[in-house]
Amino acid sequence: MTQQDYAKFLASKTLRAKERGLERVPELAPHLFPFQRSSVDFSLRAGCAALFLDTGLGKTECQLEWCQRAIEATNDRALILTPLAVAGQTRRRAERWGYEARVIREQSEARSGINICNYDRIDKLDPSEFGIVALDEASILKSFTGITTRKLIESFKGARFKLAATATPAPNDYMELGQYCEFLDVMRSSEMLMRWFIADQSEMGRYRLKGHAVTPFWDWMASFARMGEKPSDITGNVVEDAGFILPPFQLVRHVADSSEIDRDFADLFGAPAMSATSLHKVKRQTREQRASSVATAVEAEPDEAWLIWCDTNYEADELKEKCGGIEIRGSMPIEKKEELLDAFSTGQEKRLIAKPSMCGLGLDWSHCARMAFVGRSYSYETWYQAVRRCWRFGQKREVVVHLVTAEGEDTIGRVIDRKAGDHADMKAAMRLAMRRSGQSSQVKVAYHPTHIARLPSWICAA
């Protein structure tokens, strides 16, 4: 066996996702940035791919171009599934760049070209009618047993062209990446865990990467996914980063008056022993003080557009009374929600009260540079995505975020910081893996031995 044959043998043992897309990618749209063209080219060749690009890097533009080229190659219909109210935003982007696209609410409205629909209407669609599907803000897949997750995986199983796009693919744990692998028909989630993960004995139900599997795992991920928080992460050209620099960000902390907090759940020293249950008790007892702090900040800059986040209806009631503006509530019809969100997006309304769980994904509100939270949960994804609705590439002004908390809630900040660190580590690991992936196709330097080994005497005697 020659050295070249042996190198090919070793390469054949490296686990990679099978390419099922286009062998030859046509010339892509000129309006795309180089890193976007690279991402679309990679995704078209893969067929089933993931785009983990940060907010403001143009995931929508990538999805539209990917759909259009896949349509031209297969003559199939394309479907882009989006969070609430993002469908209209995607359609406007499509119109801007000249794509044939429409928002649909049920299967009878589907046509040739690109069809855009909200996730909550998937029951009204026939998945078999779409050979090309893209999930916008695909972190909806992170739930392991959720009804929507299982439906998405089963409905589009076997499709040749599938794309999953999100800025936060695994906000809680790397094992959540298994759902993307399963949706994209790359590997079952259970097999991924068995190959590269081990149960973490220090925390029930949590898995961690095996020590020897870190590099092989990320190399495998790089065979079907692209991740980046700036253009150079994709292309390696730092010059491209010049147009993608985040504006200044200021976090203003406020402490709500906690004199009325019930001390029945306090620790030995009288401070609130914060847990998921006690957190809601504190939030309920301090809702008026929190809302008053937000109202003070809002009234200090009355001419600004304000995005005000809350987690519960009782918080929303207090904020509506003290701050005014419009509110998105879960009990509203979908059409009403879309109408109100569009009114804020277009500047008709200047103050929006909403929950990150409903409106914290996908929407581009870079026209707004003021935001307020009446507390926050333990969810890193909720915090990150909600802030990034305004603090994103394309924002021209400093973004000021007001965070109102009560005594004892600093523990939440530590949890968020830990998850933020995990997210940063994941990006760094993927950057290195993508760089290795790019180098793997280069010509390898031939091995020329220079050391003459001495044979043992018993071999010489034989």
Protein backbone atom coordinates (compact mmCIF):
# COMPACT_ATOMS: atom_id res chain seq x y z
CA MET A 1 0.00 0.00 0.00
CA THR A 2 1.42 3.38 -1.00
CA GLN A 3 1.46 6.38 1.28
CA GLN A 4 -1.26 7.98 -0.82
CA ASP A 5 -3.42 4.88 -0.53
CA TYR A 6 -2.89 4.81 3.23
CA ALA A 7 -3.88 8.48 3.51
CA LYS A 8 -7.08 7.73 1.60
CA PHE A 9 -7.72 4.76 3.89
CA LEU A 10 -7.42 6.94 6.99
CA ALA A 11 -9.65 9.60 5.46
CA SER A 12 -12.28 6.95 4.70
CA LYS A 13 -12.46 6.14 8.42
CA THR A 14 -13.35 9.73 9.34
CA LEU A 15 -17.09 9.98 9.92
CA ARG A 16 -18.71 12.64 7.74
CA ALA A 17 -22.28 13.42 6.76
CA LYS A 18 -23.17 12.16 3.29
CA GLU A 19 -23.62 14.88 0.67
CA ARG A 20 -27.03 14.57 -1.01
CA GLY A 21 -27.30 17.93 -2.73
CA LEU A 22 -25.91 19.43 -5.91
CA GLU A 23 -22.65 18.29 -7.43
CA ARG A 24 -22.36 21.57 -9.30
CA VAL A 25 -23.68 24.72 -7.67
CA PRO A 26 -24.70 27.44 -10.15
CA GLU A 27 -23.60 31.03 -9.83
CA LEU A 28 -25.31 32.52 -6.79
CA ALA A 29 -27.09 35.86 -6.41
CA PRO A 30 -24.77 38.89 -6.49
CA HIS A 31 -26.51 40.59 -3.56
CA LEU A 32 -25.10 37.98 -1.17
CA PHE A 33 -21.95 38.74 0.80
CA PRO A 34 -19.00 36.36 0.18
CA PHE A 35 -19.57 34.55 3.49
CA GLN A 36 -23.26 34.14 2.65
CA ARG A 37 -22.42 32.72 -0.79
CA SER A 38 -19.99 30.32 0.87
CA SER A 39 -22.71 29.23 3.34
CA VAL A 40 -25.31 28.73 0.60
CA ASP A 41 -22.83 26.87 -1.64
CA PHE A 42 -21.94 24.53 1.24
CA SER A 43 -25.63 23.94 2.09
CA LEU A 44 -26.60 23.20 -1.51
CA ARG A 45 -23.82 20.62 -1.85
CA ALA A 46 -24.75 19.01 1.46
CA GLY A 47 -28.47 18.95 0.57
CA CYS A 48 -29.37 18.67 4.26
CA ALA A 49 -27.44 21.27 6.25
CA ALA A 50 -27.49 23.54 9.29
CA LEU A 51 -26.69 27.26 9.31
CA PHE A 52 -25.85 28.46 12.82
CA LEU A 53 -25.24 32.11 11.91
CA ASP A 54 -25.55 34.87 14.50
CA THR A 55 -28.36 37.43 14.41
CA GLY A 56 -28.01 39.94 11.60
CA LEU A 57 -25.71 37.82 9.43
CA GLY A 58 -28.44 37.25 6.85
CA LYS A 59 -29.85 33.80 7.55
CA THR A 60 -33.04 34.87 5.75
CA GLU A 61 -31.14 35.86 2.61
CA CYS A 62 -29.27 32.55 2.73
CA GLN A 63 -32.49 30.57 3.11
CA LEU A 64 -34.17 32.34 0.21
CA GLU A 65 -31.23 31.80 -2.17
CA TRP A 66 -30.85 28.18 -1.02
CA CYS A 67 -34.55 27.55 -1.69
CA GLN A 68 -34.42 29.22 -5.10
CA ARG A 69 -31.43 27.19 -6.34
CA ALA A 70 -32.88 23.95 -4.97
CA ILE A 71 -36.17 24.72 -6.77
CA GLU A 72 -34.35 25.26 -10.06
CA ALA A 73 -32.50 21.95 -9.64
CA THR A 74 -35.50 19.82 -8.67
CA ASN A 75 -38.64 21.71 -9.79
CA ASP A 76 -40.07 20.99 -6.33
CA ARG A 77 -41.98 23.38 -4.09
CA ALA A 78 -40.10 25.01 -1.22
CA LEU A 79 -41.40 25.71 2.28
CA ILE A 80 -39.88 28.06 4.85
CA LEU A 81 -41.33 27.62 8.35
CA THR A 82 -40.98 30.64 10.65
CA PRO A 83 -41.92 31.82 14.16
CA LEU A 84 -44.90 34.09 14.76
CA ALA A 85 -45.03 37.18 12.50
CA VAL A 86 -41.67 36.40 10.88
CA ALA A 87 -43.39 35.10 7.75
CA GLY A 88 -44.35 38.62 6.63
CA GLN A 89 -40.82 39.87 7.29
CA THR A 90 -39.39 37.02 5.19
CA ARG A 91 -41.81 37.77 2.34
CA ARG A 92 -40.72 41.41 2.32
CA ARG A 93 -37.07 40.31 2.10
CA ALA A 94 -37.98 38.01 -0.79
CA GLU A 95 -39.71 40.86 -2.63
CA ARG A 96 -36.69 43.08 -2.07
CA TRP A 97 -34.37 40.59 -3.77
CA GLY A 98 -36.74 39.48 -6.52
CA TYR A 99 -37.71 35.98 -5.36
CA GLU A 100 -41.15 34.51 -6.06
CA ALA A 101 -42.50 33.95 -2.54
CA ARG A 102 -45.80 34.08 -0.70
CA VAL A 103 -47.13 33.65 2.84
CA ILE A 104 -49.56 30.75 3.15
CA ARG A 105 -51.92 29.76 5.95
CA GLU A 106 -53.02 26.37 4.62
CA GLN A 107 -52.13 23.85 1.93
CA SER A 108 -54.63 25.14 -0.64
CA GLU A 109 -52.69 28.42 -0.83
CA ALA A 110 -49.37 26.72 -1.69
CA ARG A 111 -47.95 27.37 -5.17
CA SER A 112 -44.76 26.78 -7.13
CA GLY A 113 -41.76 28.67 -5.80
CA ILE A 114 -41.14 29.63 -2.17
CA ASN A 115 -43.99 29.23 0.33
CA ILE A 116 -43.65 30.77 3.80
CA CYS A 117 -45.74 29.67 6.78
CA ASN A 118 -45.74 29.99 10.58
CA TYR A 119 -44.90 26.92 12.67
CA ASP A 120 -48.27 27.01 14.39
CA ARG A 121 -50.00 26.28 11.07
CA ILE A 122 -48.05 23.15 10.22
CA ASP A 123 -51.13 21.00 10.92
CA LYS A 124 -52.83 22.72 7.98
CA LEU A 125 -50.07 21.70 5.55
CA ASP A 126 -49.28 18.51 3.62
CA PRO A 127 -45.52 17.97 4.09
CA SER A 128 -45.38 15.54 1.16
CA GLU A 129 -46.11 18.45 -1.18
CA PHE A 130 -42.77 20.10 -0.37
CA GLY A 131 -39.46 18.58 -1.45
CA ILE A 132 -37.49 21.53 -0.06
CA VAL A 133 -37.93 22.74 3.53
CA ALA A 134 -36.10 25.32 5.63
CA LEU A 135 -36.65 25.88 9.34
CA ASP A 136 -36.12 29.50 10.36
CA GLU A 137 -35.11 29.82 14.03
CA ALA A 138 -34.78 26.05 14.10
CA SER A 139 -33.97 25.99 17.82
CA ILE A 140 -37.61 24.93 18.12
CA LEU A 141 -36.09 21.46 17.55
CA LYS A 142 -34.21 21.52 20.85
CA SER A 143 -37.14 19.90 22.69
CA PHE A 144 -36.50 16.15 22.78
CA THR A 145 -40.08 14.97 23.24
CA GLY A 146 -42.07 18.00 22.10
CA ILE A 147 -45.00 17.41 19.77
CA THR A 148 -43.80 20.01 17.25
CA THR A 149 -40.25 18.58 17.24
CA ARG A 150 -41.38 15.02 16.56
CA LYS A 151 -43.85 16.20 13.92
CA LEU A 152 -41.18 18.18 12.06
CA ILE A 153 -38.75 15.26 12.12
CA GLU A 154 -41.29 12.69 10.96
CA SER A 155 -43.11 14.91 8.44
CA PHE A 156 -40.04 15.76 6.38
CA LYS A 157 -38.10 12.53 6.81
CA GLY A 158 -36.28 11.55 3.63
CA ALA A 159 -36.52 14.94 1.89
CA ARG A 160 -33.41 15.61 -0.19
CA PHE A 161 -33.13 19.30 0.65
CA LYS A 162 -33.52 20.40 4.27
CA LEU A 163 -32.04 23.41 6.04
CA ALA A 164 -32.05 24.30 9.76
CA ALA A 165 -31.11 27.89 10.58
CA THR A 166 -30.68 29.47 14.03
CA ALA A 167 -28.25 31.57 16.06
CA THR A 168 -28.70 29.43 19.20
CA PRO A 169 -28.59 25.75 18.21
CA ALA A 170 -27.84 24.36 21.68
CA PRO A 171 -28.61 26.98 24.35
CA ASN A 172 -28.66 24.50 27.22
CA ASP A 173 -26.49 21.53 26.31
CA TYR A 174 -24.49 20.20 23.33
CA MET A 175 -26.65 17.06 23.31
CA GLU A 176 -29.47 19.23 21.91
CA LEU A 177 -27.56 19.22 18.62
CA GLY A 178 -28.85 15.68 18.17
CA GLN A 179 -32.27 16.99 17.17
CA TYR A 180 -30.79 18.88 14.21
CA CYS A 181 -28.90 15.74 13.17
CA GLU A 182 -32.09 13.71 13.27
CA PHE A 183 -34.19 16.30 11.42
CA LEU A 184 -31.53 16.53 8.70
CA ASP A 185 -31.37 12.71 8.40
CA VAL A 186 -27.67 12.80 9.27
CA MET A 187 -27.87 10.53 12.32
CA ARG A 188 -30.37 9.58 15.00
CA SER A 189 -30.03 11.62 18.17
CA SER A 190 -29.61 8.48 20.28
CA GLU A 191 -26.73 7.28 18.09
CA MET A 192 -25.00 10.66 18.37
CA LEU A 193 -25.15 10.46 22.16
CA MET A 194 -23.86 6.88 22.15
CA ARG A 195 -20.89 7.72 19.90
CA TRP A 196 -19.55 10.89 21.46
CA PHE A 197 -21.25 11.59 24.80
CA ILE A 198 -21.23 10.17 28.30
CA ALA A 199 -23.62 10.70 31.18
CA ASP A 200 -22.44 13.44 33.53
CA GLN A 201 -22.42 11.86 36.98
CA SER A 202 -22.43 15.28 38.66
CA GLU A 203 -25.77 16.30 37.16
CA MET A 204 -28.71 13.97 36.55
CA GLY A 205 -29.93 13.83 32.95
CA ARG A 206 -26.99 15.82 31.57
CA TYR A 207 -24.44 14.51 29.08
CA ARG A 208 -20.95 15.73 28.25
CA LEU A 209 -18.56 15.07 25.40
CA LYS A 210 -16.11 12.23 25.97
CA GLY A 211 -12.58 13.59 26.31
CA HIS A 212 -11.18 11.72 23.31
CA ALA A 213 -14.24 12.52 21.18
CA VAL A 214 -14.13 16.32 21.27
CA THR A 215 -12.22 16.84 17.99
CA PRO A 216 -13.95 14.02 16.03
CA PHE A 217 -17.37 15.27 17.13
CA TRP A 218 -16.85 18.85 15.98
CA ASP A 219 -15.21 17.66 12.75
CA TRP A 220 -18.33 15.61 12.09
CA MET A 221 -20.56 18.62 12.85
CA ALA A 222 -18.52 20.70 10.39
CA SER A 223 -19.33 18.20 7.64
CA PHE A 224 -22.98 19.35 7.55
CA ALA A 225 -23.09 22.64 9.50
CA ARG A 226 -21.67 26.14 9.30
CA MET A 227 -21.45 28.38 12.37
CA GLY A 228 -20.33 31.98 12.65
CA GLU A 229 -20.68 35.11 14.74
CA LYS A 230 -18.80 37.17 12.13
CA PRO A 231 -18.08 36.70 8.38
CA SER A 232 -14.45 35.65 8.87
CA ASP A 233 -15.60 32.59 10.82
CA ILE A 234 -16.95 31.27 7.50
CA THR A 235 -14.45 32.55 4.94
CA GLY A 236 -11.34 33.20 7.04
CA ASN A 237 -11.07 36.71 5.57
CA VAL A 238 -11.03 39.22 8.46
CA VAL A 239 -11.45 42.11 5.99
CA GLU A 240 -15.10 41.08 5.59
CA ASP A 241 -15.76 41.72 9.29
CA ALA A 242 -15.54 45.50 8.76
CA GLY A 243 -19.21 45.81 7.84
CA PHE A 244 -20.38 43.58 10.69
CA ILE A 245 -19.46 45.28 13.93
CA LEU A 246 -22.04 45.43 16.70
CA PRO A 247 -22.95 48.91 18.01
CA PRO A 248 -22.28 49.85 21.66
CA PHE A 249 -24.36 48.03 24.26
CA GLN A 250 -25.28 49.28 27.73
CA LEU A 251 -26.96 47.21 30.44
CA VAL A 252 -28.62 49.35 33.13
CA ARG A 253 -29.52 47.40 36.27
CA HIS A 254 -32.37 48.35 38.60
CA VAL A 255 -33.18 46.68 41.91
CA ALA A 256 -36.88 46.51 42.74
CA ASP A 257 -37.98 47.29 46.28
CA SER A 258 -38.17 43.88 47.99
CA SER A 259 -39.41 44.94 51.41
CA GLU A 260 -42.66 43.01 50.94
CA ILE A 261 -41.06 39.71 49.92
CA ASP A 262 -42.34 36.74 51.92
CA ARG A 263 -39.39 35.29 53.87
CA ASP A 264 -40.90 31.80 54.23
CA PHE A 265 -38.64 30.58 51.42
CA ALA A 266 -35.53 32.50 52.57
CA ASP A 267 -32.24 30.79 53.36
CA LEU A 268 -30.52 30.58 56.75
CA PHE A 269 -29.41 34.23 56.55
CA GLY A 270 -32.78 35.64 55.46
CA ALA A 271 -31.98 36.11 51.75
CA PRO A 272 -34.39 34.64 49.18
CA ALA A 273 -33.37 31.07 48.31
CA MET A 274 -34.03 31.41 44.59
CA SER A 275 -35.43 28.48 42.64
CA ALA A 276 -37.82 28.17 39.72
CA THR A 277 -40.75 28.12 42.17
CA SER A 278 -39.63 30.88 44.51
CA LEU A 279 -38.61 33.04 41.53
CA HIS A 280 -42.25 33.35 40.49
CA LYS A 281 -43.25 34.17 44.07
CA VAL A 282 -40.73 37.01 44.13
CA LYS A 283 -41.79 38.23 40.68
CA ARG A 284 -45.45 38.27 41.71
CA GLN A 285 -44.77 40.10 44.97
CA THR A 286 -42.57 42.74 43.31
CA ARG A 287 -44.49 43.14 40.04
CA GLU A 288 -45.70 46.65 40.88
CA GLN A 289 -42.22 47.86 41.86
CA ARG A 290 -40.68 46.32 38.75
CA ALA A 291 -43.26 47.90 36.46
CA SER A 292 -42.73 51.29 38.13
CA SER A 293 -38.97 51.07 37.51
CA VAL A 294 -39.59 50.30 33.84
CA ALA A 295 -42.12 53.13 33.54
CA THR A 296 -39.59 55.59 34.96
CA ALA A 297 -37.02 54.54 32.34
CA VAL A 298 -39.57 54.70 29.52
CA GLU A 299 -40.85 58.14 30.47
CA ALA A 300 -37.28 59.45 30.64
CA GLU A 301 -37.03 58.85 26.85
CA PRO A 302 -40.61 59.20 25.59
CA ASP A 303 -39.64 59.69 21.94
CA GLU A 304 -37.85 56.34 21.71
CA ALA A 305 -39.38 53.07 20.51
CA TRP A 306 -39.48 50.67 23.49
CA LEU A 307 -39.51 46.88 23.57
CA ILE A 308 -40.61 45.71 27.02
CA TRP A 309 -40.22 42.04 27.96
CA CYS A 310 -42.11 40.15 30.67
CA ASP A 311 -42.74 36.48 31.50
CA THR A 312 -46.26 36.45 32.95
CA ASN A 313 -49.67 37.99 32.37
CA TYR A 314 -49.72 39.67 35.79
CA GLU A 315 -46.49 41.47 34.90
CA ALA A 316 -47.98 42.47 31.53
CA ASP A 317 -51.05 43.89 33.30
CA GLU A 318 -48.89 46.13 35.51
CA LEU A 319 -46.75 47.26 32.57
CA LYS A 320 -49.79 48.05 30.42
CA GLU A 321 -51.22 50.21 33.19
CA LYS A 322 -48.00 52.11 33.87
CA CYS A 323 -46.33 52.27 30.44
CA GLY A 324 -49.17 52.08 27.94
CA GLY A 325 -48.45 50.80 24.44
CA ILE A 326 -49.62 47.57 22.83
CA GLU A 327 -49.39 44.06 24.26
CA ILE A 328 -49.10 40.60 22.70
CA ARG A 329 -50.91 37.93 24.72
CA GLY A 330 -51.14 34.19 24.09
CA SER A 331 -54.94 34.16 24.10
CA MET A 332 -55.11 36.53 21.11
CA PRO A 333 -55.96 35.15 17.65
CA ILE A 334 -52.89 34.68 15.45
CA GLU A 335 -54.12 37.34 13.04
CA LYS A 336 -54.35 39.90 15.85
CA LYS A 337 -50.84 39.08 17.06
CA GLU A 338 -49.45 39.50 13.56
CA GLU A 339 -51.27 42.80 13.15
CA LEU A 340 -49.87 44.24 16.39
CA LEU A 341 -46.34 42.99 15.73
CA ASP A 342 -46.44 44.51 12.26
CA ALA A 343 -47.60 47.82 13.76
CA PHE A 344 -44.53 47.90 16.03
CA SER A 345 -42.18 46.76 13.26
CA THR A 346 -43.32 49.53 10.94
CA GLY A 347 -43.23 52.23 13.63
CA GLN A 348 -46.99 52.76 13.89
CA GLU A 349 -46.75 51.81 17.57
CA LYS A 350 -43.79 52.87 19.71
CA ARG A 351 -44.17 50.65 22.79
CA LEU A 352 -44.57 46.87 22.71
CA ILE A 353 -45.09 44.61 25.74
CA ALA A 354 -44.43 40.96 24.95
CA LYS A 355 -43.06 37.66 26.21
CA PRO A 356 -39.77 36.36 24.76
CA SER A 357 -41.33 32.92 24.44
CA MET A 358 -43.76 34.33 21.84
CA CYS A 359 -41.89 37.17 20.16
CA GLY A 360 -38.23 36.69 21.02
CA LEU A 361 -37.21 34.79 17.88
CA GLY A 362 -36.56 35.81 14.30
CA LEU A 363 -37.91 39.35 14.19
CA ASP A 364 -35.64 42.21 13.12
CA TRP A 365 -36.37 45.25 15.28
CA SER A 366 -33.19 47.19 14.60
CA HIS A 367 -35.31 50.36 14.38
CA CYS A 368 -35.61 50.10 18.18
CA ALA A 369 -32.64 50.78 20.49
CA ARG A 370 -34.35 50.77 23.91
CA MET A 371 -35.40 47.65 25.77
CA ALA A 372 -36.51 46.70 29.28
CA PHE A 373 -36.89 43.41 31.17
CA VAL A 374 -38.98 43.10 34.33
CA GLY A 375 -36.66 40.32 35.49
CA ARG A 376 -35.41 37.32 33.55
CA SER A 377 -35.65 33.54 33.66
CA TYR A 378 -32.93 30.90 33.81
CA SER A 379 -33.12 30.46 30.01
CA TYR A 380 -29.96 31.69 28.28
CA GLU A 381 -31.62 31.37 24.86
CA THR A 382 -34.54 33.57 25.96
CA TRP A 383 -32.20 36.30 27.17
CA TYR A 384 -29.82 36.12 24.21
CA GLN A 385 -32.49 36.03 21.51
CA ALA A 386 -34.63 38.75 23.11
CA VAL A 387 -31.69 41.16 23.38
CA ARG A 388 -30.64 40.36 19.81
CA ARG A 389 -33.97 41.51 18.38
CA CYS A 390 -32.48 45.01 18.63
CA TRP A 391 -28.75 44.56 19.30
CA ARG A 392 -27.74 43.05 15.98
CA PHE A 393 -25.79 43.74 12.82
CA GLY A 394 -27.70 46.49 11.05
CA GLN A 395 -28.42 48.43 14.25
CA LYS A 396 -26.99 51.95 13.85
CA ARG A 397 -27.29 53.22 17.45
CA GLU A 398 -26.23 52.27 20.94
CA VAL A 399 -28.67 49.78 22.45
CA VAL A 400 -29.64 50.41 26.07
CA VAL A 401 -31.22 47.54 28.01
CA HIS A 402 -32.83 48.12 31.41
CA LEU A 403 -32.94 45.02 33.64
CA VAL A 404 -35.10 45.13 36.77
CA THR A 405 -34.41 42.43 39.35
CA ALA A 406 -35.14 41.79 43.01
CA GLU A 407 -33.00 40.64 45.91
CA GLY A 408 -31.50 37.18 45.38
CA GLU A 409 -31.85 37.10 41.60
CA ASP A 410 -28.11 37.45 41.03
CA THR A 411 -27.98 33.62 40.96
CA ILE A 412 -29.84 33.77 37.63
CA GLY A 413 -27.12 35.96 36.20
CA ARG A 414 -24.48 33.39 37.14
CA VAL A 415 -26.42 30.64 35.36
CA ILE A 416 -26.80 32.83 32.27
CA ASP A 417 -23.07 33.62 32.32
CA ARG A 418 -22.20 29.92 32.53
CA LYS A 419 -24.41 29.09 29.53
CA ALA A 420 -22.99 32.07 27.64
CA GLY A 421 -19.53 30.61 28.21
CA ASP A 422 -20.68 27.23 26.87
CA HIS A 423 -22.08 28.98 23.79
CA ALA A 424 -18.77 30.77 23.19
CA ASP A 425 -16.87 27.48 23.59
CA MET A 426 -19.13 25.83 21.01
CA LYS A 427 -18.47 28.62 18.50
CA ALA A 428 -14.73 28.34 19.06
CA ALA A 429 -14.80 24.55 18.59
CA MET A 430 -16.78 24.88 15.36
CA ARG A 431 -14.42 27.56 14.02
CA LEU A 432 -11.47 25.20 14.46
CA ALA A 433 -13.41 22.28 12.95
CA MET A 434 -14.43 24.31 9.90
CA ARG A 435 -10.82 25.38 9.46
CA ARG A 436 -9.69 21.74 9.60
CA SER A 437 -12.44 20.84 7.14
CA GLY A 438 -11.11 23.42 4.69
CA GLN A 439 -7.57 22.13 5.09
CA SER A 440 -8.54 18.49 4.63
CA SER A 441 -8.87 18.92 0.88
CA GLN A 442 -5.39 20.37 0.51
CA VAL A 443 -2.48 18.33 -0.88
CA LYS A 444 -0.73 16.45 1.89
CA VAL A 445 3.05 16.65 2.24
CA ALA A 446 4.66 13.33 1.42
CA TYR A 447 6.47 11.49 4.22
CA HIS A 448 10.20 10.93 3.62
CA PRO A 449 11.80 8.72 6.30
CA THR A 450 15.29 9.79 7.40
CA HIS A 451 15.94 7.52 10.40
CA ILE A 452 17.36 4.02 9.89
CA ALA A 453 16.07 1.71 12.62
CA ARG A 454 18.24 -1.08 14.07
CA LEU A 455 16.74 -4.54 13.95
CA PRO A 456 16.79 -6.77 17.06
CA SER A 457 19.44 -9.49 17.07
CA TRP A 458 16.90 -12.32 17.12
CA ILE A 459 15.41 -11.03 13.84
CA CYS A 460 18.88 -10.75 12.27
CA ALA A 461 19.66 -14.31 13.38
CA ALA A 462 16.47 -15.58 11.77
